[in-house]
Amino acid sequence: MSSKYSRKRRDDLARHCRQMLMENKTKEEVLSYLKEIGCSLSSSCVIWAKANNLSFDKAQIQVLGSKTWENERSDAIDCHNQFMDMLDKL
């Protein structure tokens, strides 16, 4: 987790996200909010985990599976594949 957000700020954001969910906002709306305010993918995973009392792994699967982070997911897969190709050539 980046040091961009202090533990208190992450906790505040998690509470706000929980509140948004209680107000019937969708997962996509909440994750879009986090992205709009500048949260990175990893920060969003940590905050989503806290907001929903999930393990980081479960939260990461949910966040990565969202439409909000679709482009980043594709970029990460492409980067991973390129890296693996380079390793194969060594």
PDB file of N, CA and C in Angstrom:
ATOM      1  N   MET A   1       0.841  -1.177   0.000  1.00  0.00           N
ATOM      2  CA  MET A   1       0.000   0.000   0.000  1.00  0.00           C
ATOM      3  C   MET A   1       0.877   1.229   0.000  1.00  0.00           C
ATOM      4  N   SER A   2       0.592   2.109  -0.866  1.00  0.00           N
ATOM      5  CA  SER A   2       1.335   3.353  -0.981  1.00  0.00           C
ATOM      6  C   SER A   2       1.176   4.170   0.292  1.00  0.00           C
ATOM      7  N   SER A   3       2.180   4.949   0.608  1.00  0.00           N
ATOM      8  CA  SER A   3       2.112   5.804   1.787  1.00  0.00           C
ATOM      9  C   SER A   3       1.299   7.066   1.502  1.00  0.00           C
ATOM     10  N   LYS A   4       0.679   7.141   0.316  1.00  0.00           N
ATOM     11  CA  LYS A   4      -0.133   8.303  -0.048  1.00  0.00           C
ATOM     12  C   LYS A   4      -1.262   8.507   0.960  1.00  0.00           C
ATOM     13  N   TYR A   5      -1.818   7.412   1.466  1.00  0.00           N
ATOM     14  CA  TYR A   5      -2.920   7.494   2.416  1.00  0.00           C
ATOM     15  C   TYR A   5      -2.487   6.953   3.766  1.00  0.00           C
ATOM     16  N   SER A   6      -2.704   7.737   4.795  1.00  0.00           N
ATOM     17  CA  SER A   6      -2.407   7.279   6.151  1.00  0.00           C
ATOM     18  C   SER A   6      -3.452   6.248   6.556  1.00  0.00           C
ATOM     19  N   ARG A   7      -3.152   5.521   7.595  1.00  0.00           N
ATOM     20  CA  ARG A   7      -4.110   4.525   8.093  1.00  0.00           C
ATOM     21  C   ARG A   7      -5.437   5.202   8.436  1.00  0.00           C
ATOM     22  N   LYS A   8      -5.378   6.369   9.063  1.00  0.00           N
ATOM     23  CA  LYS A   8      -6.604   7.082   9.414  1.00  0.00           C
ATOM     24  C   LYS A   8      -7.390   7.453   8.161  1.00  0.00           C
ATOM     25  N   ARG A   9      -6.712   7.925   7.133  1.00  0.00           N
ATOM     26  CA  ARG A   9      -7.400   8.306   5.894  1.00  0.00           C
ATOM     27  C   ARG A   9      -8.033   7.079   5.231  1.00  0.00           C
ATOM     28  N   ARG A  10      -7.307   5.954   5.212  1.00  0.00           N
ATOM     29  CA  ARG A  10      -7.874   4.722   4.645  1.00  0.00           C
ATOM     30  C   ARG A  10      -9.096   4.274   5.433  1.00  0.00           C
ATOM     31  N   ASP A  11      -9.016   4.360   6.769  1.00  0.00           N
ATOM     32  CA  ASP A  11     -10.160   3.993   7.607  1.00  0.00           C
ATOM     33  C   ASP A  11     -11.345   4.915   7.341  1.00  0.00           C
ATOM     34  N   ASP A  12     -11.087   6.216   7.202  1.00  0.00           N
ATOM     35  CA  ASP A  12     -12.154   7.179   6.893  1.00  0.00           C
ATOM     36  C   ASP A  12     -12.795   6.870   5.542  1.00  0.00           C
ATOM     37  N   LEU A  13     -11.961   6.565   4.550  1.00  0.00           N
ATOM     38  CA  LEU A  13     -12.494   6.227   3.231  1.00  0.00           C
ATOM     39  C   LEU A  13     -13.293   4.925   3.274  1.00  0.00           C
ATOM     40  N   ALA A  14     -12.824   3.954   4.040  1.00  0.00           N
ATOM     41  CA  ALA A  14     -13.554   2.684   4.175  1.00  0.00           C
ATOM     42  C   ALA A  14     -14.920   2.930   4.821  1.00  0.00           C
ATOM     43  N   ARG A  15     -14.973   3.782   5.849  1.00  0.00           N
ATOM     44  CA  ARG A  15     -16.253   4.114   6.481  1.00  0.00           C
ATOM     45  C   ARG A  15     -17.181   4.806   5.486  1.00  0.00           C
ATOM     46  N   HIS A  16     -16.617   5.720   4.709  1.00  0.00           N
ATOM     47  CA  HIS A  16     -17.412   6.427   3.712  1.00  0.00           C
ATOM     48  C   HIS A  16     -17.948   5.445   2.663  1.00  0.00           C
ATOM     49  N   CYS A  17     -17.121   4.511   2.229  1.00  0.00           N
ATOM     50  CA  CYS A  17     -17.551   3.506   1.254  1.00  0.00           C
ATOM     51  C   CYS A  17     -18.645   2.621   1.830  1.00  0.00           C
ATOM     52  N   ARG A  18     -18.487   2.230   3.097  1.00  0.00           N
ATOM     53  CA  ARG A  18     -19.523   1.426   3.765  1.00  0.00           C
ATOM     54  C   ARG A  18     -20.846   2.190   3.786  1.00  0.00           C
ATOM     55  N   GLN A  19     -20.752   3.502   4.084  1.00  0.00           N
ATOM     56  CA  GLN A  19     -21.941   4.350   4.114  1.00  0.00           C
ATOM     57  C   GLN A  19     -22.586   4.425   2.730  1.00  0.00           C
ATOM     58  N   MET A  20     -21.751   4.566   1.689  1.00  0.00           N
ATOM     59  CA  MET A  20     -22.268   4.609   0.324  1.00  0.00           C
ATOM     60  C   MET A  20     -23.014   3.320  -0.008  1.00  0.00           C
ATOM     61  N   LEU A  21     -22.459   2.177   0.407  1.00  0.00           N
ATOM     62  CA  LEU A  21     -23.111   0.891   0.160  1.00  0.00           C
ATOM     63  C   LEU A  21     -24.437   0.794   0.915  1.00  0.00           C
ATOM     64  N   MET A  22     -24.481   1.323   2.137  1.00  0.00           N
ATOM     65  CA  MET A  22     -25.728   1.316   2.907  1.00  0.00           C
ATOM     66  C   MET A  22     -26.771   2.232   2.267  1.00  0.00           C
ATOM     67  N   GLU A  23     -26.312   3.217   1.489  1.00  0.00           N
ATOM     68  CA  GLU A  23     -27.216   4.115   0.770  1.00  0.00           C
ATOM     69  C   GLU A  23     -27.586   3.538  -0.600  1.00  0.00           C
ATOM     70  N   ASN A  24     -27.342   2.240  -0.763  1.00  0.00           N
ATOM     71  CA  ASN A  24     -27.681   1.502  -1.989  1.00  0.00           C
ATOM     72  C   ASN A  24     -26.868   1.898  -3.211  1.00  0.00           C
ATOM     73  N   LYS A  25     -25.667   2.419  -2.997  1.00  0.00           N
ATOM     74  CA  LYS A  25     -24.757   2.621  -4.128  1.00  0.00           C
ATOM     75  C   LYS A  25     -24.227   1.252  -4.525  1.00  0.00           C
ATOM     76  N   THR A  26     -23.959   1.072  -5.799  1.00  0.00           N
ATOM     77  CA  THR A  26     -23.435  -0.213  -6.265  1.00  0.00           C
ATOM     78  C   THR A  26     -21.932  -0.296  -6.019  1.00  0.00           C
ATOM     79  N   LYS A  27     -21.421  -1.511  -6.139  1.00  0.00           N
ATOM     80  CA  LYS A  27     -19.975  -1.708  -6.017  1.00  0.00           C
ATOM     81  C   LYS A  27     -19.246  -0.844  -7.040  1.00  0.00           C
ATOM     82  N   GLU A  28     -19.757  -0.817  -8.264  1.00  0.00           N
ATOM     83  CA  GLU A  28     -19.113  -0.025  -9.317  1.00  0.00           C
ATOM     84  C   GLU A  28     -19.107   1.462  -8.985  1.00  0.00           C
ATOM     85  N   GLU A  29     -20.197   1.956  -8.412  1.00  0.00           N
ATOM     86  CA  GLU A  29     -20.257   3.375  -8.036  1.00  0.00           C
ATOM     87  C   GLU A  29     -19.233   3.701  -6.958  1.00  0.00           C
ATOM     88  N   VAL A  30     -19.100   2.804  -5.987  1.00  0.00           N
ATOM     89  CA  VAL A  30     -18.145   3.023  -4.901  1.00  0.00           C
ATOM     90  C   VAL A  30     -16.709   2.960  -5.433  1.00  0.00           C
ATOM     91  N   LEU A  31     -16.418   1.956  -6.250  1.00  0.00           N
ATOM     92  CA  LEU A  31     -15.068   1.825  -6.796  1.00  0.00           C
ATOM     93  C   LEU A  31     -14.747   2.972  -7.751  1.00  0.00           C
ATOM     94  N   SER A  32     -15.732   3.429  -8.497  1.00  0.00           N
ATOM     95  CA  SER A  32     -15.529   4.595  -9.378  1.00  0.00           C
ATOM     96  C   SER A  32     -15.210   5.837  -8.563  1.00  0.00           C
ATOM     97  N   TYR A  33     -15.902   5.997  -7.428  1.00  0.00           N
ATOM     98  CA  TYR A  33     -15.622   7.119  -6.530  1.00  0.00           C
ATOM     99  C   TYR A  33     -14.163   7.079  -6.067  1.00  0.00           C
ATOM    100  N   LEU A  34     -13.714   5.908  -5.629  1.00  0.00           N
ATOM    101  CA  LEU A  34     -12.326   5.790  -5.163  1.00  0.00           C
ATOM    102  C   LEU A  34     -11.346   6.145  -6.274  1.00  0.00           C
ATOM    103  N   LYS A  35     -11.627   5.670  -7.473  1.00  0.00           N
ATOM    104  CA  LYS A  35     -10.746   5.959  -8.606  1.00  0.00           C
ATOM    105  C   LYS A  35     -10.763   7.455  -8.929  1.00  0.00           C
ATOM    106  N   GLU A  36     -11.951   8.061  -8.886  1.00  0.00           N
ATOM    107  CA  GLU A  36     -12.089   9.489  -9.200  1.00  0.00           C
ATOM    108  C   GLU A  36     -11.323  10.378  -8.228  1.00  0.00           C
ATOM    109  N   ILE A  37     -11.239   9.954  -6.970  1.00  0.00           N
ATOM    110  CA  ILE A  37     -10.515  10.788  -5.996  1.00  0.00           C
ATOM    111  C   ILE A  37      -9.014  10.491  -5.999  1.00  0.00           C
ATOM    112  N   GLY A  38      -8.595   9.596  -6.892  1.00  0.00           N
ATOM    113  CA  GLY A  38      -7.169   9.362  -7.072  1.00  0.00           C
ATOM    114  C   GLY A  38      -6.584   8.148  -6.395  1.00  0.00           C
ATOM    115  N   CYS A  39      -7.427   7.260  -5.889  1.00  0.00           N
ATOM    116  CA  CYS A  39      -6.916   6.038  -5.271  1.00  0.00           C
ATOM    117  C   CYS A  39      -6.331   5.127  -6.343  1.00  0.00           C
ATOM    118  N   SER A  40      -5.201   4.550  -6.043  1.00  0.00           N
ATOM    119  CA  SER A  40      -4.593   3.572  -6.947  1.00  0.00           C
ATOM    120  C   SER A  40      -5.369   2.264  -6.848  1.00  0.00           C
ATOM    121  N   LEU A  41      -5.041   1.355  -7.725  1.00  0.00           N
ATOM    122  CA  LEU A  41      -5.673   0.034  -7.693  1.00  0.00           C
ATOM    123  C   LEU A  41      -5.413  -0.648  -6.354  1.00  0.00           C
ATOM    124  N   SER A  42      -4.178  -0.621  -5.897  1.00  0.00           N
ATOM    125  CA  SER A  42      -3.859  -1.296  -4.631  1.00  0.00           C
ATOM    126  C   SER A  42      -4.535  -0.609  -3.443  1.00  0.00           C
ATOM    127  N   SER A  43      -4.595   0.725  -3.458  1.00  0.00           N
ATOM    128  CA  SER A  43      -5.288   1.441  -2.377  1.00  0.00           C
ATOM    129  C   SER A  43      -6.767   1.103  -2.377  1.00  0.00           C
ATOM    130  N   SER A  44      -7.349   1.029  -3.561  1.00  0.00           N
ATOM    131  CA  SER A  44      -8.766   0.688  -3.667  1.00  0.00           C
ATOM    132  C   SER A  44      -9.031  -0.708  -3.104  1.00  0.00           C
ATOM    133  N   CYS A  45      -8.124  -1.641  -3.352  1.00  0.00           N
ATOM    134  CA  CYS A  45      -8.272  -3.006  -2.819  1.00  0.00           C
ATOM    135  C   CYS A  45      -8.247  -2.995  -1.296  1.00  0.00           C
ATOM    136  N   VAL A  46      -7.315  -2.253  -0.723  1.00  0.00           N
ATOM    137  CA  VAL A  46      -7.208  -2.183   0.742  1.00  0.00           C
ATOM    138  C   VAL A  46      -8.458  -1.542   1.332  1.00  0.00           C
ATOM    139  N   ILE A  47      -8.900  -0.454   0.744  1.00  0.00           N
ATOM    140  CA  ILE A  47     -10.079   0.260   1.256  1.00  0.00           C
ATOM    141  C   ILE A  47     -11.331  -0.600   1.080  1.00  0.00           C
ATOM    142  N   TRP A  48     -11.465  -1.274  -0.069  1.00  0.00           N
ATOM    143  CA  TRP A  48     -12.610  -2.158  -0.300  1.00  0.00           C
ATOM    144  C   TRP A  48     -12.612  -3.294   0.724  1.00  0.00           C
ATOM    145  N   ALA A  49     -11.450  -3.848   1.024  1.00  0.00           N
ATOM    146  CA  ALA A  49     -11.350  -4.916   2.027  1.00  0.00           C
ATOM    147  C   ALA A  49     -11.837  -4.414   3.381  1.00  0.00           C
ATOM    148  N   LYS A  50     -11.370  -3.230   3.784  1.00  0.00           N
ATOM    149  CA  LYS A  50     -11.782  -2.664   5.073  1.00  0.00           C
ATOM    150  C   LYS A  50     -13.276  -2.355   5.095  1.00  0.00           C
ATOM    151  N   ALA A  51     -13.790  -1.807   4.001  1.00  0.00           N
ATOM    152  CA  ALA A  51     -15.200  -1.421   3.943  1.00  0.00           C
ATOM    153  C   ALA A  51     -16.130  -2.620   4.036  1.00  0.00           C
ATOM    154  N   ASN A  52     -15.660  -3.777   3.577  1.00  0.00           N
ATOM    155  CA  ASN A  52     -16.504  -4.969   3.514  1.00  0.00           C
ATOM    156  C   ASN A  52     -16.052  -6.102   4.416  1.00  0.00           C
ATOM    157  N   ASN A  53     -15.090  -5.834   5.288  1.00  0.00           N
ATOM    158  CA  ASN A  53     -14.556  -6.852   6.195  1.00  0.00           C
ATOM    159  C   ASN A  53     -14.130  -8.113   5.437  1.00  0.00           C
ATOM    160  N   LEU A  54     -13.372  -7.885   4.366  1.00  0.00           N
ATOM    161  CA  LEU A  54     -12.866  -8.986   3.550  1.00  0.00           C
ATOM    162  C   LEU A  54     -11.354  -9.121   3.725  1.00  0.00           C
ATOM    163  N   SER A  55     -10.843 -10.288   3.395  1.00  0.00           N
ATOM    164  CA  SER A  55      -9.394 -10.427   3.315  1.00  0.00           C
ATOM    165  C   SER A  55      -8.927  -9.628   2.102  1.00  0.00           C
ATOM    166  N   PHE A  56      -7.658  -9.267   2.085  1.00  0.00           N
ATOM    167  CA  PHE A  56      -7.134  -8.510   0.948  1.00  0.00           C
ATOM    168  C   PHE A  56      -7.296  -9.305  -0.346  1.00  0.00           C
ATOM    169  N   ASP A  57      -7.049 -10.606  -0.299  1.00  0.00           N
ATOM    170  CA  ASP A  57      -7.159 -11.445  -1.499  1.00  0.00           C
ATOM    171  C   ASP A  57      -8.572 -11.419  -2.077  1.00  0.00           C
ATOM    172  N   LYS A  58      -9.570 -11.563  -1.213  1.00  0.00           N
ATOM    173  CA  LYS A  58     -10.962 -11.545  -1.689  1.00  0.00           C
ATOM    174  C   LYS A  58     -11.323 -10.170  -2.238  1.00  0.00           C
ATOM    175  N   ALA A  59     -10.876  -9.124  -1.561  1.00  0.00           N
ATOM    176  CA  ALA A  59     -11.161  -7.771  -2.030  1.00  0.00           C
ATOM    177  C   ALA A  59     -10.488  -7.520  -3.372  1.00  0.00           C
ATOM    178  N   GLN A  60      -9.261  -7.999  -3.499  1.00  0.00           N
ATOM    179  CA  GLN A  60      -8.519  -7.816  -4.745  1.00  0.00           C
ATOM    180  C   GLN A  60      -9.245  -8.485  -5.915  1.00  0.00           C
ATOM    181  N   ILE A  61      -9.771  -9.664  -5.702  1.00  0.00           N
ATOM    182  CA  ILE A  61     -10.520 -10.372  -6.749  1.00  0.00           C
ATOM    183  C   ILE A  61     -11.754  -9.565  -7.147  1.00  0.00           C
ATOM    184  N   GLN A  62     -12.476  -9.028  -6.154  1.00  0.00           N
ATOM    185  CA  GLN A  62     -13.675  -8.248  -6.454  1.00  0.00           C
ATOM    186  C   GLN A  62     -13.342  -6.956  -7.185  1.00  0.00           C
ATOM    187  N   VAL A  63     -12.296  -6.269  -6.741  1.00  0.00           N
ATOM    188  CA  VAL A  63     -11.922  -4.997  -7.372  1.00  0.00           C
ATOM    189  C   VAL A  63     -11.411  -5.245  -8.788  1.00  0.00           C
ATOM    190  N   LEU A  64     -10.543  -6.234  -8.945  1.00  0.00           N
ATOM    191  CA  LEU A  64     -10.012  -6.533 -10.277  1.00  0.00           C
ATOM    192  C   LEU A  64     -11.101  -7.020 -11.231  1.00  0.00           C
ATOM    193  N   GLY A  65     -12.146  -7.615 -10.690  1.00  0.00           N
ATOM    194  CA  GLY A  65     -13.244  -8.086 -11.508  1.00  0.00           C
ATOM    195  C   GLY A  65     -14.243  -7.010 -11.884  1.00  0.00           C
ATOM    196  N   SER A  66     -14.040  -5.816 -11.372  1.00  0.00           N
ATOM    197  CA  SER A  66     -14.999  -4.740 -11.619  1.00  0.00           C
ATOM    198  C   SER A  66     -14.766  -4.075 -12.970  1.00  0.00           C
ATOM    199  N   LYS A  67     -15.823  -3.466 -13.480  1.00  0.00           N
ATOM    200  CA  LYS A  67     -15.719  -2.691 -14.724  1.00  0.00           C
ATOM    201  C   LYS A  67     -14.838  -1.468 -14.518  1.00  0.00           C
ATOM    202  N   THR A  68     -14.841  -0.922 -13.312  1.00  0.00           N
ATOM    203  CA  THR A  68     -14.100   0.300 -13.002  1.00  0.00           C
ATOM    204  C   THR A  68     -12.621   0.160 -13.319  1.00  0.00           C
ATOM    205  N   TRP A  69     -12.054  -1.011 -13.012  1.00  0.00           N
ATOM    206  CA  TRP A  69     -10.619  -1.219 -13.194  1.00  0.00           C
ATOM    207  C   TRP A  69     -10.314  -2.090 -14.407  1.00  0.00           C
ATOM    208  N   GLU A  70     -11.255  -2.203 -15.323  1.00  0.00           N
ATOM    209  CA  GLU A  70     -11.116  -3.074 -16.488  1.00  0.00           C
ATOM    210  C   GLU A  70      -9.869  -2.771 -17.327  1.00  0.00           C
ATOM    211  N   ASN A  71      -9.633  -1.499 -17.623  1.00  0.00           N
ATOM    212  CA  ASN A  71      -8.472  -1.132 -18.447  1.00  0.00           C
ATOM    213  C   ASN A  71      -7.158  -1.464 -17.756  1.00  0.00           C
ATOM    214  N   GLU A  72      -7.083  -1.172 -16.459  1.00  0.00           N
ATOM    215  CA  GLU A  72      -5.860  -1.458 -15.710  1.00  0.00           C
ATOM    216  C   GLU A  72      -5.605  -2.953 -15.636  1.00  0.00           C
ATOM    217  N   ARG A  73      -6.673  -3.731 -15.518  1.00  0.00           N
ATOM    218  CA  ARG A  73      -6.534  -5.184 -15.473  1.00  0.00           C
ATOM    219  C   ARG A  73      -5.933  -5.682 -16.788  1.00  0.00           C
ATOM    220  N   SER A  74      -6.442  -5.179 -17.902  1.00  0.00           N
ATOM    221  CA  SER A  74      -5.918  -5.575 -19.216  1.00  0.00           C
ATOM    222  C   SER A  74      -4.459  -5.172 -19.365  1.00  0.00           C
ATOM    223  N   ASP A  75      -4.129  -3.958 -18.920  1.00  0.00           N
ATOM    224  CA  ASP A  75      -2.747  -3.489 -18.993  1.00  0.00           C
ATOM    225  C   ASP A  75      -1.824  -4.366 -18.154  1.00  0.00           C
ATOM    226  N   ALA A  76      -2.284  -4.751 -16.978  1.00  0.00           N
ATOM    227  CA  ALA A  76      -1.467  -5.582 -16.095  1.00  0.00           C
ATOM    228  C   ALA A  76      -1.226  -6.959 -16.715  1.00  0.00           C
ATOM    229  N   ILE A  77      -2.253  -7.517 -17.345  1.00  0.00           N
ATOM    230  CA  ILE A  77      -2.105  -8.825 -17.991  1.00  0.00           C
ATOM    231  C   ILE A  77      -1.128  -8.725 -19.155  1.00  0.00           C
ATOM    232  N   ASP A  78      -1.249  -7.669 -19.965  1.00  0.00           N
ATOM    233  CA  ASP A  78      -0.335  -7.467 -21.096  1.00  0.00           C
ATOM    234  C   ASP A  78       1.103  -7.321 -20.615  1.00  0.00           C
ATOM    235  N   CYS A  79       1.297  -6.536 -19.562  1.00  0.00           N
ATOM    236  CA  CYS A  79       2.635  -6.324 -19.010  1.00  0.00           C
ATOM    237  C   CYS A  79       3.212  -7.642 -18.502  1.00  0.00           C
ATOM    238  N   HIS A  80       2.389  -8.416 -17.810  1.00  0.00           N
ATOM    239  CA  HIS A  80       2.835  -9.704 -17.293  1.00  0.00           C
ATOM    240  C   HIS A  80       3.246 -10.629 -18.442  1.00  0.00           C
ATOM    241  N   ASN A  81       2.428 -10.675 -19.485  1.00  0.00           N
ATOM    242  CA  ASN A  81       2.733 -11.542 -20.630  1.00  0.00           C
ATOM    243  C   ASN A  81       4.020 -11.120 -21.325  1.00  0.00           C
ATOM    244  N   GLN A  82       4.234  -9.812 -21.474  1.00  0.00           N
ATOM    245  CA  GLN A  82       5.469  -9.322 -22.089  1.00  0.00           C
ATOM    246  C   GLN A  82       6.678  -9.690 -21.238  1.00  0.00           C
ATOM    247  N   PHE A  83       6.535  -9.559 -19.938  1.00  0.00           N
ATOM    248  CA  PHE A  83       7.617  -9.897 -19.024  1.00  0.00           C
ATOM    249  C   PHE A  83       7.954 -11.385 -19.118  1.00  0.00           C
ATOM    250  N   MET A  84       6.911 -12.228 -19.164  1.00  0.00           N
ATOM    251  CA  MET A  84       7.138 -13.672 -19.257  1.00  0.00           C
ATOM    252  C   MET A  84       7.813 -14.028 -20.590  1.00  0.00           C
ATOM    253  N   ASP A  85       7.422 -13.350 -21.659  1.00  0.00           N
ATOM    254  CA  ASP A  85       8.062 -13.563 -22.959  1.00  0.00           C
ATOM    255  C   ASP A  85       9.541 -13.217 -22.902  1.00  0.00           C
ATOM    256  N   MET A  86       9.865 -12.114 -22.238  1.00  0.00           N
ATOM    257  CA  MET A  86      11.269 -11.691 -22.122  1.00  0.00           C
ATOM    258  C   MET A  86      12.049 -12.732 -21.320  1.00  0.00           C
ATOM    259  N   LEU A  87      11.469 -13.265 -20.258  1.00  0.00           N
ATOM    260  CA  LEU A  87      12.146 -14.276 -19.450  1.00  0.00           C
ATOM    261  C   LEU A  87      12.395 -15.543 -20.278  1.00  0.00           C
ATOM    262  N   ASP A  88      11.427 -15.900 -21.108  1.00  0.00           N
ATOM    263  CA  ASP A  88      11.579 -17.085 -21.957  1.00  0.00           C
ATOM    264  C   ASP A  88      12.753 -16.939 -22.925  1.00  0.00           C
ATOM    265  N   LYS A  89      13.047 -15.725 -23.347  1.00  0.00           N
ATOM    266  CA  LYS A  89      14.103 -15.475 -24.327  1.00  0.00           C
ATOM    267  C   LYS A  89      15.502 -15.462 -23.688  1.00  0.00           C
ATOM    268  N   LEU A  90      15.544 -15.376 -22.367  1.00  0.00           N
ATOM    269  CA  LEU A  90      16.852 -15.338 -21.683  1.00  0.00           C
ATOM    270  C   LEU A  90      17.549 -16.668 -21.683  1.00  0.00           C
TER     271      LEU A  90
END
